[in-house]
PDB file of N, CA and C in Angstrom:
ATOM      1  N   MET A   1       4.218  10.843 -13.692  1.00  0.00           N
ATOM      2  CA  MET A   1       4.017   9.719 -12.787  1.00  0.00           C
ATOM      3  C   MET A   1       5.319   8.952 -12.635  1.00  0.00           C
ATOM      4  N   VAL A   2       5.526   8.460 -11.427  1.00  0.00           N
ATOM      5  CA  VAL A   2       6.684   7.635 -11.122  1.00  0.00           C
ATOM      6  C   VAL A   2       6.148   6.280 -10.695  1.00  0.00           C
ATOM      7  N   LYS A   3       6.619   5.217 -11.315  1.00  0.00           N
ATOM      8  CA  LYS A   3       6.146   3.877 -10.983  1.00  0.00           C
ATOM      9  C   LYS A   3       6.955   3.333  -9.806  1.00  0.00           C
ATOM     10  N   ILE A   4       6.246   2.908  -8.763  1.00  0.00           N
ATOM     11  CA  ILE A   4       6.862   2.335  -7.570  1.00  0.00           C
ATOM     12  C   ILE A   4       6.446   0.873  -7.484  1.00  0.00           C
ATOM     13  N   ASN A   5       7.418  -0.027  -7.353  1.00  0.00           N
ATOM     14  CA  ASN A   5       7.135  -1.444  -7.176  1.00  0.00           C
ATOM     15  C   ASN A   5       7.433  -1.824  -5.737  1.00  0.00           C
ATOM     16  N   ILE A   6       6.464  -2.423  -5.075  1.00  0.00           N
ATOM     17  CA  ILE A   6       6.607  -2.824  -3.685  1.00  0.00           C
ATOM     18  C   ILE A   6       6.412  -4.330  -3.623  1.00  0.00           C
ATOM     19  N   LYS A   7       7.464  -5.042  -3.254  1.00  0.00           N
ATOM     20  CA  LYS A   7       7.376  -6.493  -3.132  1.00  0.00           C
ATOM     21  C   LYS A   7       6.672  -6.840  -1.826  1.00  0.00           C
ATOM     22  N   LEU A   8       5.613  -7.601  -1.934  1.00  0.00           N
ATOM     23  CA  LEU A   8       4.906  -8.092  -0.755  1.00  0.00           C
ATOM     24  C   LEU A   8       5.289  -9.562  -0.594  1.00  0.00           C
ATOM     25  N   GLY A   9       6.515  -9.781  -0.225  1.00  0.00           N
ATOM     26  CA  GLY A   9       7.053 -11.135  -0.126  1.00  0.00           C
ATOM     27  C   GLY A   9       7.296 -11.685  -1.519  1.00  0.00           C
ATOM     28  N   ASN A  10       7.382 -13.009  -1.623  1.00  0.00           N
ATOM     29  CA  ASN A  10       7.606 -13.651  -2.917  1.00  0.00           C
ATOM     30  C   ASN A  10       6.311 -13.872  -3.678  1.00  0.00           C
ATOM     31  N   ASP A  11       5.181 -13.612  -3.037  1.00  0.00           N
ATOM     32  CA  ASP A  11       3.902 -13.985  -3.626  1.00  0.00           C
ATOM     33  C   ASP A  11       3.128 -12.857  -4.275  1.00  0.00           C
ATOM     34  N   ALA A  12       3.550 -11.611  -4.071  1.00  0.00           N
ATOM     35  CA  ALA A  12       2.772 -10.509  -4.628  1.00  0.00           C
ATOM     36  C   ALA A  12       3.633  -9.265  -4.794  1.00  0.00           C
ATOM     37  N   GLU A  13       3.144  -8.397  -5.659  1.00  0.00           N
ATOM     38  CA  GLU A  13       3.819  -7.138  -5.922  1.00  0.00           C
ATOM     39  C   GLU A  13       2.751  -6.060  -6.107  1.00  0.00           C
ATOM     40  N   LEU A  14       2.939  -4.948  -5.452  1.00  0.00           N
ATOM     41  CA  LEU A  14       2.052  -3.798  -5.578  1.00  0.00           C
ATOM     42  C   LEU A  14       2.777  -2.758  -6.422  1.00  0.00           C
ATOM     43  N   ILE A  15       2.141  -2.321  -7.494  1.00  0.00           N
ATOM     44  CA  ILE A  15       2.727  -1.330  -8.388  1.00  0.00           C
ATOM     45  C   ILE A  15       1.849  -0.091  -8.326  1.00  0.00           C
ATOM     46  N   ILE A  16       2.467   1.040  -8.048  1.00  0.00           N
ATOM     47  CA  ILE A  16       1.733   2.295  -7.900  1.00  0.00           C
ATOM     48  C   ILE A  16       2.335   3.331  -8.835  1.00  0.00           C
ATOM     49  N   ASP A  17       1.473   4.020  -9.579  1.00  0.00           N
ATOM     50  CA  ASP A  17       1.917   5.177 -10.349  1.00  0.00           C
ATOM     51  C   ASP A  17       1.763   6.382  -9.443  1.00  0.00           C
ATOM     52  N   GLU A  18       2.885   6.850  -8.938  1.00  0.00           N
ATOM     53  CA  GLU A  18       2.877   7.957  -7.989  1.00  0.00           C
ATOM     54  C   GLU A  18       3.069   9.276  -8.738  1.00  0.00           C
ATOM     55  N   PRO A  19       2.254  10.272  -8.457  1.00  0.00           N
ATOM     56  CA  PRO A  19       2.440  11.581  -9.108  1.00  0.00           C
ATOM     57  C   PRO A  19       3.803  12.160  -8.759  1.00  0.00           C
ATOM     58  N   LYS A  20       4.424  12.819  -9.704  1.00  0.00           N
ATOM     59  CA  LYS A  20       5.741  13.418  -9.466  1.00  0.00           C
ATOM     60  C   LYS A  20       5.693  14.463  -8.359  1.00  0.00           C
ATOM     61  N   SER A  21       4.526  15.041  -8.132  1.00  0.00           N
ATOM     62  CA  SER A  21       4.403  16.073  -7.104  1.00  0.00           C
ATOM     63  C   SER A  21       4.252  15.497  -5.698  1.00  0.00           C
ATOM     64  N   ALA A  22       4.166  14.170  -5.568  1.00  0.00           N
ATOM     65  CA  ALA A  22       4.013  13.547  -4.256  1.00  0.00           C
ATOM     66  C   ALA A  22       5.333  13.618  -3.494  1.00  0.00           C
ATOM     67  N   SER A  23       5.251  13.936  -2.212  1.00  0.00           N
ATOM     68  CA  SER A  23       6.445  14.021  -1.364  1.00  0.00           C
ATOM     69  C   SER A  23       6.709  12.673  -0.704  1.00  0.00           C
ATOM     70  N   SER A  24       7.806  12.578   0.022  1.00  0.00           N
ATOM     71  CA  SER A  24       8.107  11.331   0.728  1.00  0.00           C
ATOM     72  C   SER A  24       7.049  11.047   1.796  1.00  0.00           C
ATOM     73  N   GLY A  25       6.465  12.084   2.356  1.00  0.00           N
ATOM     74  CA  GLY A  25       5.382  11.894   3.318  1.00  0.00           C
ATOM     75  C   GLY A  25       4.124  11.377   2.656  1.00  0.00           C
ATOM     76  N   ASP A  26       3.839  11.881   1.463  1.00  0.00           N
ATOM     77  CA  ASP A  26       2.667  11.424   0.717  1.00  0.00           C
ATOM     78  C   ASP A  26       2.787   9.949   0.361  1.00  0.00           C
ATOM     79  N   ARG A  27       3.995   9.505   0.068  1.00  0.00           N
ATOM     80  CA  ARG A  27       4.231   8.129  -0.390  1.00  0.00           C
ATOM     81  C   ARG A  27       3.719   7.109   0.621  1.00  0.00           C
ATOM     82  N   ALA A  28       3.964   7.323   1.906  1.00  0.00           N
ATOM     83  CA  ALA A  28       3.508   6.375   2.922  1.00  0.00           C
ATOM     84  C   ALA A  28       1.981   6.305   2.944  1.00  0.00           C
ATOM     85  N   ILE A  29       1.327   7.431   2.798  1.00  0.00           N
ATOM     86  CA  ILE A  29      -0.140   7.460   2.775  1.00  0.00           C
ATOM     87  C   ILE A  29      -0.667   6.748   1.539  1.00  0.00           C
ATOM     88  N   ILE A  30      -0.021   6.970   0.405  1.00  0.00           N
ATOM     89  CA  ILE A  30      -0.445   6.342  -0.851  1.00  0.00           C
ATOM     90  C   ILE A  30      -0.333   4.825  -0.747  1.00  0.00           C
ATOM     91  N   ILE A  31       0.784   4.327  -0.232  1.00  0.00           N
ATOM     92  CA  ILE A  31       0.977   2.881  -0.099  1.00  0.00           C
ATOM     93  C   ILE A  31      -0.025   2.286   0.881  1.00  0.00           C
ATOM     94  N   THR A  32      -0.222   2.941   2.002  1.00  0.00           N
ATOM     95  CA  THR A  32      -1.192   2.468   2.996  1.00  0.00           C
ATOM     96  C   THR A  32      -2.585   2.381   2.389  1.00  0.00           C
ATOM     97  N   SER A  33      -2.984   3.406   1.656  1.00  0.00           N
ATOM     98  CA  SER A  33      -4.310   3.427   1.034  1.00  0.00           C
ATOM     99  C   SER A  33      -4.461   2.331  -0.010  1.00  0.00           C
ATOM    100  N   ALA A  34      -3.422   2.091  -0.803  1.00  0.00           N
ATOM    101  CA  ALA A  34      -3.492   1.060  -1.842  1.00  0.00           C
ATOM    102  C   ALA A  34      -3.618  -0.332  -1.236  1.00  0.00           C
ATOM    103  N   ILE A  35      -2.865  -0.606  -0.174  1.00  0.00           N
ATOM    104  CA  ILE A  35      -2.972  -1.914   0.495  1.00  0.00           C
ATOM    105  C   ILE A  35      -4.359  -2.093   1.098  1.00  0.00           C
ATOM    106  N   ALA A  36      -4.847  -1.070   1.781  1.00  0.00           N
ATOM    107  CA  ALA A  36      -6.182  -1.156   2.393  1.00  0.00           C
ATOM    108  C   ALA A  36      -7.244  -1.363   1.322  1.00  0.00           C
ATOM    109  N   GLN A  37      -7.116  -0.699   0.186  1.00  0.00           N
ATOM    110  CA  GLN A  37      -8.081  -0.851  -0.911  1.00  0.00           C
ATOM    111  C   GLN A  37      -8.040  -2.265  -1.474  1.00  0.00           C
ATOM    112  N   ALA A  38      -6.861  -2.815  -1.647  1.00  0.00           N
ATOM    113  CA  ALA A  38      -6.722  -4.152  -2.223  1.00  0.00           C
ATOM    114  C   ALA A  38      -7.430  -5.208  -1.370  1.00  0.00           C
ATOM    115  N   PHE A  39      -7.435  -5.008  -0.048  1.00  0.00           N
ATOM    116  CA  PHE A  39      -8.069  -5.972   0.848  1.00  0.00           C
ATOM    117  C   PHE A  39      -9.412  -5.494   1.381  1.00  0.00           C
ATOM    118  N   SER A  40     -10.022  -4.535   0.717  1.00  0.00           N
ATOM    119  CA  SER A  40     -11.261  -3.968   1.239  1.00  0.00           C
ATOM    120  C   SER A  40     -12.421  -4.968   1.270  1.00  0.00           C
ATOM    121  N   ASP A  41     -12.391  -5.988   0.417  1.00  0.00           N
ATOM    122  CA  ASP A  41     -13.519  -6.912   0.343  1.00  0.00           C
ATOM    123  C   ASP A  41     -13.242  -8.313   0.880  1.00  0.00           C
ATOM    124  N   SER A  42     -11.982  -8.619   1.216  1.00  0.00           N
ATOM    125  CA  SER A  42     -11.690  -9.981   1.655  1.00  0.00           C
ATOM    126  C   SER A  42     -10.447  -9.998   2.539  1.00  0.00           C
ATOM    127  N   THR A  43     -10.185 -11.169   3.122  1.00  0.00           N
ATOM    128  CA  THR A  43      -8.980 -11.318   3.938  1.00  0.00           C
ATOM    129  C   THR A  43      -7.915 -12.124   3.210  1.00  0.00           C
ATOM    130  N   SER A  44      -8.200 -12.540   1.975  1.00  0.00           N
ATOM    131  CA  SER A  44      -7.188 -13.226   1.178  1.00  0.00           C
ATOM    132  C   SER A  44      -7.418 -12.915  -0.292  1.00  0.00           C
ATOM    133  N   LEU A  45      -6.362 -13.077  -1.065  1.00  0.00           N
ATOM    134  CA  LEU A  45      -6.428 -12.823  -2.503  1.00  0.00           C
ATOM    135  C   LEU A  45      -5.983 -14.068  -3.243  1.00  0.00           C
ATOM    136  N   SER A  46      -6.692 -14.402  -4.306  1.00  0.00           N
ATOM    137  CA  SER A  46      -6.313 -15.513  -5.165  1.00  0.00           C
ATOM    138  C   SER A  46      -5.330 -15.010  -6.208  1.00  0.00           C
ATOM    139  N   PRO A  47      -4.605 -15.914  -6.859  1.00  0.00           N
ATOM    140  CA  PRO A  47      -3.702 -15.483  -7.922  1.00  0.00           C
ATOM    141  C   PRO A  47      -4.472 -14.680  -8.979  1.00  0.00           C
ATOM    142  N   SER A  48      -4.023 -13.473  -9.194  1.00  0.00           N
ATOM    143  CA  SER A  48      -4.720 -12.586 -10.124  1.00  0.00           C
ATOM    144  C   SER A  48      -3.942 -11.290 -10.254  1.00  0.00           C
ATOM    145  N   THR A  49      -4.474 -10.409 -11.082  1.00  0.00           N
ATOM    146  CA  THR A  49      -3.977  -9.043 -11.174  1.00  0.00           C
ATOM    147  C   THR A  49      -5.166  -8.133 -10.951  1.00  0.00           C
ATOM    148  N   GLN A  50      -5.097  -7.318  -9.923  1.00  0.00           N
ATOM    149  CA  GLN A  50      -6.154  -6.349  -9.640  1.00  0.00           C
ATOM    150  C   GLN A  50      -5.624  -4.973  -9.982  1.00  0.00           C
ATOM    151  N   THR A  51      -6.466  -4.166 -10.593  1.00  0.00           N
ATOM    152  CA  THR A  51      -6.073  -2.792 -10.887  1.00  0.00           C
ATOM    153  C   THR A  51      -7.185  -1.858 -10.443  1.00  0.00           C
ATOM    154  N   GLY A  52      -6.820  -0.614 -10.247  1.00  0.00           N
ATOM    155  CA  GLY A  52      -7.830   0.361  -9.859  1.00  0.00           C
ATOM    156  C   GLY A  52      -7.243   1.741  -9.686  1.00  0.00           C
ATOM    157  N   PHE A  53      -8.137   2.681  -9.438  1.00  0.00           N
ATOM    158  CA  PHE A  53      -7.745   4.063  -9.166  1.00  0.00           C
ATOM    159  C   PHE A  53      -8.191   4.411  -7.760  1.00  0.00           C
ATOM    160  N   LEU A  54      -7.349   5.145  -7.061  1.00  0.00           N
ATOM    161  CA  LEU A  54      -7.681   5.620  -5.724  1.00  0.00           C
ATOM    162  C   LEU A  54      -7.644   7.137  -5.718  1.00  0.00           C
ATOM    163  N   PRO A  55      -8.734   7.786  -5.326  1.00  0.00           N
ATOM    164  CA  PRO A  55      -8.637   9.225  -5.094  1.00  0.00           C
ATOM    165  C   PRO A  55      -8.147   9.423  -3.656  1.00  0.00           C
ATOM    166  N   ILE A  56      -7.020  10.065  -3.499  1.00  0.00           N
ATOM    167  CA  ILE A  56      -6.447  10.270  -2.167  1.00  0.00           C
ATOM    168  C   ILE A  56      -6.284  11.765  -1.945  1.00  0.00           C
ATOM    169  N   THR A  57      -6.884  12.261  -0.869  1.00  0.00           N
ATOM    170  CA  THR A  57      -6.760  13.674  -0.521  1.00  0.00           C
ATOM    171  C   THR A  57      -5.725  13.816   0.579  1.00  0.00           C
ATOM    172  N   ILE A  58      -4.706  14.619   0.300  1.00  0.00           N
ATOM    173  CA  ILE A  58      -3.657  14.899   1.279  1.00  0.00           C
ATOM    174  C   ILE A  58      -3.574  16.410   1.394  1.00  0.00           C
ATOM    175  N   GLY A  59      -3.989  16.923   2.551  1.00  0.00           N
ATOM    176  CA  GLY A  59      -4.069  18.376   2.710  1.00  0.00           C
ATOM    177  C   GLY A  59      -5.115  18.916   1.754  1.00  0.00           C
ATOM    178  N   SER A  60      -4.732  19.854   0.914  1.00  0.00           N
ATOM    179  CA  SER A  60      -5.672  20.421  -0.050  1.00  0.00           C
ATOM    180  C   SER A  60      -5.474  19.833  -1.445  1.00  0.00           C
ATOM    181  N   THR A  61      -4.611  18.826  -1.568  1.00  0.00           N
ATOM    182  CA  THR A  61      -4.325  18.227  -2.869  1.00  0.00           C
ATOM    183  C   THR A  61      -5.047  16.889  -2.994  1.00  0.00           C
ATOM    184  N   VAL A  62      -5.672  16.663  -4.136  1.00  0.00           N
ATOM    185  CA  VAL A  62      -6.310  15.383  -4.419  1.00  0.00           C
ATOM    186  C   VAL A  62      -5.468  14.672  -5.474  1.00  0.00           C
ATOM    187  N   PHE A  63      -4.976  13.487  -5.133  1.00  0.00           N
ATOM    188  CA  PHE A  63      -4.208  12.672  -6.060  1.00  0.00           C
ATOM    189  C   PHE A  63      -5.117  11.577  -6.591  1.00  0.00           C
ATOM    190  N   ARG A  64      -4.991  11.263  -7.851  1.00  0.00           N
ATOM    191  CA  ARG A  64      -5.688  10.122  -8.442  1.00  0.00           C
ATOM    192  C   ARG A  64      -4.601   9.094  -8.731  1.00  0.00           C
ATOM    193  N   ILE A  65      -4.548   8.057  -7.900  1.00  0.00           N
ATOM    194  CA  ILE A  65      -3.471   7.079  -7.927  1.00  0.00           C
ATOM    195  C   ILE A  65      -3.928   5.813  -8.639  1.00  0.00           C
ATOM    196  N   TYR A  66      -3.156   5.380  -9.617  1.00  0.00           N
ATOM    197  CA  TYR A  66      -3.394   4.096 -10.278  1.00  0.00           C
ATOM    198  C   TYR A  66      -2.575   3.044  -9.546  1.00  0.00           C
ATOM    199  N   TYR A  67      -3.194   1.901  -9.240  1.00  0.00           N
ATOM    200  CA  TYR A  67      -2.441   0.817  -8.607  1.00  0.00           C
ATOM    201  C   TYR A  67      -2.728  -0.498  -9.310  1.00  0.00           C
ATOM    202  N   GLU A  68      -1.788  -1.391  -9.194  1.00  0.00           N
ATOM    203  CA  GLU A  68      -1.932  -2.740  -9.730  1.00  0.00           C
ATOM    204  C   GLU A  68      -1.358  -3.690  -8.689  1.00  0.00           C
ATOM    205  N   LEU A  69      -2.111  -4.714  -8.349  1.00  0.00           N
ATOM    206  CA  LEU A  69      -1.654  -5.717  -7.395  1.00  0.00           C
ATOM    207  C   LEU A  69      -1.583  -7.045  -8.131  1.00  0.00           C
ATOM    208  N   ARG A  70      -0.378  -7.579  -8.247  1.00  0.00           N
ATOM    209  CA  ARG A  70      -0.163  -8.867  -8.917  1.00  0.00           C
ATOM    210  C   ARG A  70       0.082  -9.928  -7.851  1.00  0.00           C
ATOM    211  N   VAL A  71      -0.785 -10.926  -7.823  1.00  0.00           N
ATOM    212  CA  VAL A  71      -0.692 -11.983  -6.826  1.00  0.00           C
ATOM    213  C   VAL A  71      -0.346 -13.287  -7.540  1.00  0.00           C
ATOM    214  N   LYS A  72       0.753 -13.917  -7.121  1.00  0.00           N
ATOM    215  CA  LYS A  72       1.210 -15.161  -7.756  1.00  0.00           C
ATOM    216  C   LYS A  72       0.573 -16.394  -7.118  1.00  0.00           C
ATOM    217  N   ARG A  73       0.427 -16.367  -5.797  1.00  0.00           N
ATOM    218  CA  ARG A  73      -0.191 -17.472  -5.058  1.00  0.00           C
ATOM    219  C   ARG A  73      -1.197 -16.888  -4.093  1.00  0.00           C
ATOM    220  N   ILE A  74      -2.019 -17.726  -3.511  1.00  0.00           N
ATOM    221  CA  ILE A  74      -2.996 -17.223  -2.548  1.00  0.00           C
ATOM    222  C   ILE A  74      -2.244 -16.447  -1.477  1.00  0.00           C
ATOM    223  N   LEU A  75      -2.727 -15.255  -1.214  1.00  0.00           N
ATOM    224  CA  LEU A  75      -2.076 -14.343  -0.279  1.00  0.00           C
ATOM    225  C   LEU A  75      -3.098 -13.908   0.753  1.00  0.00           C
ATOM    226  N   ASN A  76      -2.757 -14.068   2.027  1.00  0.00           N
ATOM    227  CA  ASN A  76      -3.702 -13.612   3.046  1.00  0.00           C
ATOM    228  C   ASN A  76      -3.353 -12.186   3.464  1.00  0.00           C
ATOM    229  N   ALA A  77      -4.303 -11.551   4.081  1.00  0.00           N
ATOM    230  CA  ALA A  77      -4.135 -10.147   4.463  1.00  0.00           C
ATOM    231  C   ALA A  77      -2.980  -9.957   5.432  1.00  0.00           C
ATOM    232  N   LEU A  78      -2.799 -10.873   6.369  1.00  0.00           N
ATOM    233  CA  LEU A  78      -1.713 -10.746   7.336  1.00  0.00           C
ATOM    234  C   LEU A  78      -0.363 -10.643   6.625  1.00  0.00           C
ATOM    235  N   THR A  79      -0.155 -11.496   5.636  1.00  0.00           N
ATOM    236  CA  THR A  79       1.104 -11.465   4.885  1.00  0.00           C
ATOM    237  C   THR A  79       1.269 -10.149   4.140  1.00  0.00           C
ATOM    238  N   ALA A  80       0.228  -9.705   3.463  1.00  0.00           N
ATOM    239  CA  ALA A  80       0.323  -8.469   2.687  1.00  0.00           C
ATOM    240  C   ALA A  80       0.579  -7.263   3.583  1.00  0.00           C
ATOM    241  N   TYR A  81      -0.171  -7.161   4.663  1.00  0.00           N
ATOM    242  CA  TYR A  81       0.027  -6.038   5.579  1.00  0.00           C
ATOM    243  C   TYR A  81       1.426  -6.102   6.202  1.00  0.00           C
ATOM    244  N   SER A  82       1.856  -7.294   6.607  1.00  0.00           N
ATOM    245  CA  SER A  82       3.185  -7.445   7.208  1.00  0.00           C
ATOM    246  C   SER A  82       4.286  -7.061   6.229  1.00  0.00           C
ATOM    247  N   GLU A  83       4.146  -7.483   4.979  1.00  0.00           N
ATOM    248  CA  GLU A  83       5.166  -7.160   3.977  1.00  0.00           C
ATOM    249  C   GLU A  83       5.173  -5.667   3.648  1.00  0.00           C
ATOM    250  N   ALA A  84       4.008  -5.036   3.635  1.00  0.00           N
ATOM    251  CA  ALA A  84       3.963  -3.592   3.398  1.00  0.00           C
ATOM    252  C   ALA A  84       4.651  -2.848   4.541  1.00  0.00           C
ATOM    253  N   ILE A  85       4.400  -3.282   5.759  1.00  0.00           N
ATOM    254  CA  ILE A  85       5.060  -2.677   6.926  1.00  0.00           C
ATOM    255  C   ILE A  85       6.570  -2.888   6.828  1.00  0.00           C
ATOM    256  N   ARG A  86       6.970  -4.095   6.481  1.00  0.00           N
ATOM    257  CA  ARG A  86       8.400  -4.388   6.343  1.00  0.00           C
ATOM    258  C   ARG A  86       9.034  -3.515   5.260  1.00  0.00           C
ATOM    259  N   HIS A  87       8.333  -3.325   4.146  1.00  0.00           N
ATOM    260  CA  HIS A  87       8.848  -2.477   3.066  1.00  0.00           C
ATOM    261  C   HIS A  87       9.088  -1.053   3.571  1.00  0.00           C
ATOM    262  N   ILE A  88       8.135  -0.505   4.287  1.00  0.00           N
ATOM    263  CA  ILE A  88       8.277   0.858   4.802  1.00  0.00           C
ATOM    264  C   ILE A  88       9.445   0.930   5.782  1.00  0.00           C
ATOM    265  N   GLN A  89       9.560  -0.063   6.659  1.00  0.00           N
ATOM    266  CA  GLN A  89      10.631  -0.062   7.654  1.00  0.00           C
ATOM    267  C   GLN A  89      12.009  -0.242   7.024  1.00  0.00           C
ATOM    268  N   GLN A  90      12.105  -1.031   5.962  1.00  0.00           N
ATOM    269  CA  GLN A  90      13.404  -1.309   5.351  1.00  0.00           C
ATOM    270  C   GLN A  90      13.839  -0.262   4.337  1.00  0.00           C
ATOM    271  N   ASN A  91      12.989   0.693   4.037  1.00  0.00           N
ATOM    272  CA  ASN A  91      13.319   1.739   3.062  1.00  0.00           C
ATOM    273  C   ASN A  91      13.115   3.122   3.663  1.00  0.00           C
ATOM    274  N   PRO A  92      13.795   3.422   4.766  1.00  0.00           N
ATOM    275  CA  PRO A  92      13.569   4.698   5.442  1.00  0.00           C
ATOM    276  C   PRO A  92      13.918   5.911   4.580  1.00  0.00           C
ATOM    277  N   HIS A  93      14.784   5.724   3.602  1.00  0.00           N
ATOM    278  CA  HIS A  93      15.160   6.830   2.717  1.00  0.00           C
ATOM    279  C   HIS A  93      14.013   7.256   1.799  1.00  0.00           C
ATOM    280  N   LEU A  94      13.003   6.414   1.658  1.00  0.00           N
ATOM    281  CA  LEU A  94      11.876   6.737   0.784  1.00  0.00           C
ATOM    282  C   LEU A  94      10.764   7.514   1.483  1.00  0.00           C
ATOM    283  N   TYR A  95      10.767   7.525   2.811  1.00  0.00           N
ATOM    284  CA  TYR A  95       9.622   8.036   3.551  1.00  0.00           C
ATOM    285  C   TYR A  95      10.008   9.053   4.609  1.00  0.00           C
ATOM    286  N   ASP A  96       9.108   9.982   4.837  1.00  0.00           N
ATOM    287  CA  ASP A  96       9.185  10.861   5.996  1.00  0.00           C
ATOM    288  C   ASP A  96       8.962   9.955   7.211  1.00  0.00           C
ATOM    289  N   GLN A  97       9.867   9.973   8.166  1.00  0.00           N
ATOM    290  CA  GLN A  97       9.821   9.013   9.261  1.00  0.00           C
ATOM    291  C   GLN A  97       8.581   9.134  10.142  1.00  0.00           C
ATOM    292  N   ARG A  98       8.153  10.342  10.423  1.00  0.00           N
ATOM    293  CA  ARG A  98       6.959  10.522  11.259  1.00  0.00           C
ATOM    294  C   ARG A  98       5.736   9.942  10.554  1.00  0.00           C
ATOM    295  N   LEU A  99       5.602  10.224   9.274  1.00  0.00           N
ATOM    296  CA  LEU A  99       4.452   9.713   8.533  1.00  0.00           C
ATOM    297  C   LEU A  99       4.573   8.214   8.266  1.00  0.00           C
ATOM    298  N   ALA A 100       5.793   7.713   8.148  1.00  0.00           N
ATOM    299  CA  ALA A 100       5.983   6.273   7.975  1.00  0.00           C
ATOM    300  C   ALA A 100       5.493   5.528   9.214  1.00  0.00           C
ATOM    301  N   ARG A 101       5.819   6.054  10.397  1.00  0.00           N
ATOM    302  CA  ARG A 101       5.324   5.429  11.637  1.00  0.00           C
ATOM    303  C   ARG A 101       3.798   5.440  11.663  1.00  0.00           C
ATOM    304  N   LYS A 102       3.200   6.539  11.237  1.00  0.00           N
ATOM    305  CA  LYS A 102       1.736   6.640  11.198  1.00  0.00           C
ATOM    306  C   LYS A 102       1.159   5.648  10.184  1.00  0.00           C
ATOM    307  N   ALA A 103       1.809   5.517   9.031  1.00  0.00           N
ATOM    308  CA  ALA A 103       1.343   4.570   8.012  1.00  0.00           C
ATOM    309  C   ALA A 103       1.374   3.140   8.550  1.00  0.00           C
ATOM    310  N   ILE A 104       2.428   2.801   9.255  1.00  0.00           N
ATOM    311  CA  ILE A 104       2.531   1.461   9.841  1.00  0.00           C
ATOM    312  C   ILE A 104       1.421   1.251  10.864  1.00  0.00           C
ATOM    313  N   GLU A 105       1.156   2.251  11.661  1.00  0.00           N
ATOM    314  CA  GLU A 105       0.070   2.174  12.648  1.00  0.00           C
ATOM    315  C   GLU A 105      -1.276   1.958  11.942  1.00  0.00           C
ATOM    316  N   VAL A 106      -1.506   2.686  10.868  1.00  0.00           N
ATOM    317  CA  VAL A 106      -2.761   2.557  10.122  1.00  0.00           C
ATOM    318  C   VAL A 106      -2.876   1.168   9.492  1.00  0.00           C
ATOM    319  N   LEU A 107      -1.789   0.661   8.913  1.00  0.00           N
ATOM    320  CA  LEU A 107      -1.810  -0.682   8.334  1.00  0.00           C
ATOM    321  C   LEU A 107      -2.164  -1.723   9.389  1.00  0.00           C
ATOM    322  N   ARG A 108      -1.601  -1.571  10.575  1.00  0.00           N
ATOM    323  CA  ARG A 108      -1.916  -2.517  11.657  1.00  0.00           C
ATOM    324  C   ARG A 108      -3.385  -2.403  12.080  1.00  0.00           C
ATOM    325  N   GLU A 109      -3.899  -1.189  12.148  1.00  0.00           N
ATOM    326  CA  GLU A 109      -5.310  -0.991  12.497  1.00  0.00           C
ATOM    327  C   GLU A 109      -6.222  -1.576  11.423  1.00  0.00           C
ATOM    328  N   CYS A 110      -5.869  -1.365  10.152  1.00  0.00           N
ATOM    329  CA  CYS A 110      -6.675  -1.918   9.051  1.00  0.00           C
ATOM    330  C   CYS A 110      -6.749  -3.431   9.150  1.00  0.00           C
ATOM    331  N   TYR A 111      -5.620  -4.062   9.446  1.00  0.00           N
ATOM    332  CA  TYR A 111      -5.623  -5.512   9.557  1.00  0.00           C
ATOM    333  C   TYR A 111      -6.457  -5.958  10.744  1.00  0.00           C
ATOM    334  N   ASN A 112      -6.307  -5.290  11.883  1.00  0.00           N
ATOM    335  CA  ASN A 112      -7.109  -5.656  13.057  1.00  0.00           C
ATOM    336  C   ASN A 112      -8.592  -5.480  12.789  1.00  0.00           C
ATOM    337  N   ASP A 113      -8.968  -4.415  12.099  1.00  0.00           N
ATOM    338  CA  ASP A 113     -10.376  -4.206  11.735  1.00  0.00           C
ATOM    339  C   ASP A 113     -10.875  -5.320  10.820  1.00  0.00           C
ATOM    340  N   ARG A 114     -10.031  -5.800   9.940  1.00  0.00           N
ATOM    341  CA  ARG A 114     -10.386  -6.848   8.994  1.00  0.00           C
ATOM    342  C   ARG A 114     -10.674  -8.145   9.736  1.00  0.00           C
ATOM    343  N   LEU A 115      -9.992  -8.391  10.873  1.00  0.00           N
ATOM    344  CA  LEU A 115     -10.200  -9.612  11.643  1.00  0.00           C
ATOM    345  C   LEU A 115     -11.502  -9.612  12.414  1.00  0.00           C
ATOM    346  N   ARG A 116     -12.055  -8.454  12.686  1.00  0.00           N
ATOM    347  CA  ARG A 116     -13.280  -8.363  13.497  1.00  0.00           C
ATOM    348  C   ARG A 116     -14.492  -8.740  12.720  1.00  0.00           C
TER     349      ARG A 116
END
């Protein structure tokens, strides 16, 4: 496992244990899934630490991803989704570009669905 820390602004950090076999394309899907999971029940998060496992199927491979979300101050979904998108855009060397664009699209759709 490789630990990835993703800063979601100054108020939160997403930590993911990524399998060593995950590719740069897989990484965007893993991050998108972890953000969507963290906000699956609400549109804001209180200061806390949330942890969990995500089963993610990519092609014929099933990854079991451990994630931890550390929130320092109340964080709304718009901020978290925006910061995740910014992270993907500012770190192009970490991601397959085609899949990164798709991940950003999915993050935006997840947020729009959350508003409905």
